[in-house]
Amino acid sequence: MLVSASAVLLLGLLIWFLLRIRYLRWADLLLCGAFGFLLARTIAAPVVATVLDGAGAFLGELRF
């Protein structure tokens, strides 16, 4: 668990840096995918799932 949290932090900082300098390529896509898989193994996964479910429910309630 500690290794996963460290990897999530490291990959998160790297993704933030790449977004900041606007340098995104296919390798960045793979990096973001690895970040997602590692995030799913941390304690933050249920919080992220709850937020995404809430956002989806909110968007589902919108009527145009």
N, C-alpha and C. Protein backbone atom coordinates (compact mmCIF):
# COMPACT_ATOMS: atom_id res chain seq x y z
N MET A 1 0.82 -1.19 0.00
CA MET A 1 0.00 0.00 0.00
C MET A 1 0.86 1.25 0.00
N LEU A 2 1.94 1.25 0.77
CA LEU A 2 2.82 2.41 0.83
C LEU A 2 3.49 2.66 -0.51
N VAL A 3 3.89 1.59 -1.19
CA VAL A 3 4.51 1.74 -2.50
C VAL A 3 3.49 2.29 -3.50
N SER A 4 2.26 1.82 -3.43
CA SER A 4 1.22 2.32 -4.34
C SER A 4 0.97 3.80 -4.11
N ALA A 5 0.89 4.21 -2.86
CA ALA A 5 0.66 5.63 -2.56
C ALA A 5 1.81 6.48 -3.06
N SER A 6 3.03 6.02 -2.89
CA SER A 6 4.18 6.77 -3.38
C SER A 6 4.18 6.85 -4.90
N ALA A 7 3.84 5.76 -5.55
CA ALA A 7 3.80 5.75 -7.01
C ALA A 7 2.70 6.67 -7.53
N VAL A 8 1.56 6.69 -6.85
CA VAL A 8 0.47 7.58 -7.25
C VAL A 8 0.91 9.04 -7.11
N LEU A 9 1.58 9.35 -6.02
CA LEU A 9 2.07 10.71 -5.82
C LEU A 9 3.08 11.09 -6.88
N LEU A 10 4.02 10.22 -7.15
CA LEU A 10 5.05 10.50 -8.16
C LEU A 10 4.43 10.66 -9.55
N LEU A 11 3.56 9.73 -9.94
CA LEU A 11 2.93 9.82 -11.25
C LEU A 11 2.00 11.03 -11.34
N GLY A 12 1.32 11.34 -10.26
CA GLY A 12 0.45 12.52 -10.25
C GLY A 12 1.23 13.80 -10.47
N LEU A 13 2.38 13.92 -9.83
CA LEU A 13 3.23 15.09 -10.04
C LEU A 13 3.76 15.15 -11.47
N LEU A 14 4.12 14.00 -12.00
CA LEU A 14 4.61 13.97 -13.38
C LEU A 14 3.52 14.34 -14.38
N ILE A 15 2.31 13.86 -14.17
CA ILE A 15 1.19 14.21 -15.04
C ILE A 15 0.90 15.70 -14.94
N TRP A 16 0.91 16.23 -13.72
CA TRP A 16 0.68 17.66 -13.54
C TRP A 16 1.72 18.47 -14.30
N PHE A 17 2.98 18.06 -14.20
CA PHE A 17 4.06 18.76 -14.89
C PHE A 17 3.85 18.72 -16.41
N LEU A 18 3.49 17.57 -16.93
CA LEU A 18 3.26 17.46 -18.37
C LEU A 18 2.08 18.30 -18.83
N LEU A 19 1.04 18.37 -18.02
CA LEU A 19 -0.09 19.24 -18.36
C LEU A 19 0.29 20.70 -18.28
N ARG A 20 1.13 21.02 -17.32
CA ARG A 20 1.55 22.41 -17.12
C ARG A 20 2.36 22.93 -18.31
N ILE A 21 3.24 22.11 -18.85
CA ILE A 21 4.06 22.56 -19.97
C ILE A 21 3.40 22.24 -21.32
N ARG A 22 2.19 21.69 -21.28
CA ARG A 22 1.41 21.37 -22.49
C ARG A 22 2.18 20.46 -23.44
N TYR A 23 2.73 19.42 -22.88
CA TYR A 23 3.52 18.47 -23.65
C TYR A 23 2.90 17.10 -23.45
N LEU A 24 1.87 16.81 -24.22
CA LEU A 24 1.16 15.54 -24.08
C LEU A 24 1.32 14.71 -25.36
N ARG A 25 1.68 13.46 -25.21
CA ARG A 25 1.84 12.53 -26.33
C ARG A 25 1.31 11.17 -25.92
N TRP A 26 1.54 10.16 -26.75
CA TRP A 26 1.06 8.81 -26.46
C TRP A 26 1.68 8.24 -25.19
N ALA A 27 2.92 8.56 -24.93
CA ALA A 27 3.56 8.08 -23.70
C ALA A 27 2.84 8.64 -22.47
N ASP A 28 2.33 9.85 -22.60
CA ASP A 28 1.59 10.46 -21.50
C ASP A 28 0.27 9.74 -21.26
N LEU A 29 -0.32 9.28 -22.33
CA LEU A 29 -1.55 8.49 -22.19
C LEU A 29 -1.28 7.22 -21.38
N LEU A 30 -0.19 6.56 -21.68
CA LEU A 30 0.18 5.36 -20.92
C LEU A 30 0.49 5.70 -19.47
N LEU A 31 1.14 6.83 -19.25
CA LEU A 31 1.44 7.29 -17.90
C LEU A 31 0.16 7.54 -17.11
N CYS A 32 -0.80 8.18 -17.73
CA CYS A 32 -2.07 8.44 -17.07
C CYS A 32 -2.82 7.14 -16.79
N GLY A 33 -2.72 6.19 -17.68
CA GLY A 33 -3.33 4.88 -17.45
C GLY A 33 -2.71 4.18 -16.26
N ALA A 34 -1.39 4.22 -16.17
CA ALA A 34 -0.70 3.62 -15.02
C ALA A 34 -1.10 4.33 -13.73
N PHE A 35 -1.24 5.65 -13.78
CA PHE A 35 -1.68 6.42 -12.62
C PHE A 35 -3.06 5.95 -12.16
N GLY A 36 -3.96 5.74 -13.10
CA GLY A 36 -5.31 5.29 -12.76
C GLY A 36 -5.31 3.92 -12.12
N PHE A 37 -4.53 2.99 -12.66
CA PHE A 37 -4.47 1.66 -12.07
C PHE A 37 -3.87 1.69 -10.67
N LEU A 38 -2.85 2.51 -10.46
CA LEU A 38 -2.25 2.62 -9.13
C LEU A 38 -3.19 3.33 -8.15
N LEU A 39 -3.91 4.33 -8.62
CA LEU A 39 -4.86 5.03 -7.78
C LEU A 39 -5.96 4.09 -7.30
N ALA A 40 -6.34 3.15 -8.14
CA ALA A 40 -7.38 2.19 -7.77
C ALA A 40 -6.95 1.29 -6.62
N ARG A 41 -5.66 1.20 -6.34
CA ARG A 41 -5.15 0.34 -5.27
C ARG A 41 -4.92 1.11 -3.97
N THR A 42 -5.22 2.40 -3.93
CA THR A 42 -5.00 3.20 -2.72
C THR A 42 -6.31 3.39 -1.98
N ILE A 43 -6.22 4.04 -0.84
CA ILE A 43 -7.40 4.31 -0.03
C ILE A 43 -8.27 5.40 -0.66
N ALA A 44 -7.74 6.12 -1.62
CA ALA A 44 -8.49 7.19 -2.28
C ALA A 44 -9.48 6.65 -3.32
N ALA A 45 -9.39 5.40 -3.68
CA ALA A 45 -10.24 4.83 -4.72
C ALA A 45 -11.73 4.97 -4.41
N PRO A 46 -12.21 4.64 -3.20
CA PRO A 46 -13.64 4.81 -2.93
C PRO A 46 -14.09 6.26 -3.02
N VAL A 47 -13.23 7.19 -2.60
CA VAL A 47 -13.58 8.61 -2.68
C VAL A 47 -13.71 9.04 -4.13
N VAL A 48 -12.77 8.62 -4.96
CA VAL A 48 -12.81 8.96 -6.38
C VAL A 48 -14.06 8.36 -7.02
N ALA A 49 -14.37 7.12 -6.69
CA ALA A 49 -15.56 6.46 -7.24
C ALA A 49 -16.83 7.19 -6.81
N THR A 50 -16.89 7.62 -5.56
CA THR A 50 -18.07 8.34 -5.07
C THR A 50 -18.23 9.68 -5.77
N VAL A 51 -17.13 10.40 -5.95
CA VAL A 51 -17.18 11.68 -6.65
C VAL A 51 -17.62 11.49 -8.10
N LEU A 52 -17.08 10.49 -8.77
CA LEU A 52 -17.47 10.24 -10.16
C LEU A 52 -18.93 9.81 -10.26
N ASP A 53 -19.40 9.00 -9.32
CA ASP A 53 -20.81 8.61 -9.31
C ASP A 53 -21.71 9.82 -9.07
N GLY A 54 -21.30 10.69 -8.16
CA GLY A 54 -22.07 11.90 -7.90
C GLY A 54 -22.11 12.83 -9.10
N ALA A 55 -20.98 12.99 -9.76
CA ALA A 55 -20.94 13.84 -10.96
C ALA A 55 -21.80 13.25 -12.07
N GLY A 56 -21.75 11.94 -12.21
CA GLY A 56 -22.58 11.28 -13.23
C GLY A 56 -24.06 11.44 -12.92
N ALA A 57 -24.44 11.30 -11.66
CA ALA A 57 -25.85 11.48 -11.28
C ALA A 57 -26.29 12.92 -11.52
N PHE A 58 -25.42 13.87 -11.19
CA PHE A 58 -25.74 15.27 -11.40
C PHE A 58 -25.94 15.57 -12.89
N LEU A 59 -25.02 15.09 -13.70
CA LEU A 59 -25.13 15.32 -15.14
C LEU A 59 -26.34 14.60 -15.72
N GLY A 60 -26.69 13.46 -15.14
CA GLY A 60 -27.88 12.75 -15.61
C GLY A 60 -29.18 13.46 -15.30
N GLU A 61 -29.18 14.31 -14.27
CA GLU A 61 -30.37 15.05 -13.89
C GLU A 61 -30.57 16.33 -14.72
N LEU A 62 -29.55 16.78 -15.40
CA LEU A 62 -29.65 18.00 -16.19
C LEU A 62 -30.55 17.80 -17.39
N ARG A 63 -31.42 18.75 -17.63
CA ARG A 63 -32.32 18.71 -18.78
C ARG A 63 -32.07 19.95 -19.63
N PHE A 64 -31.91 19.74 -20.90
CA PHE A 64 -31.66 20.87 -21.80
C PHE A 64 -32.86 21.14 -22.65
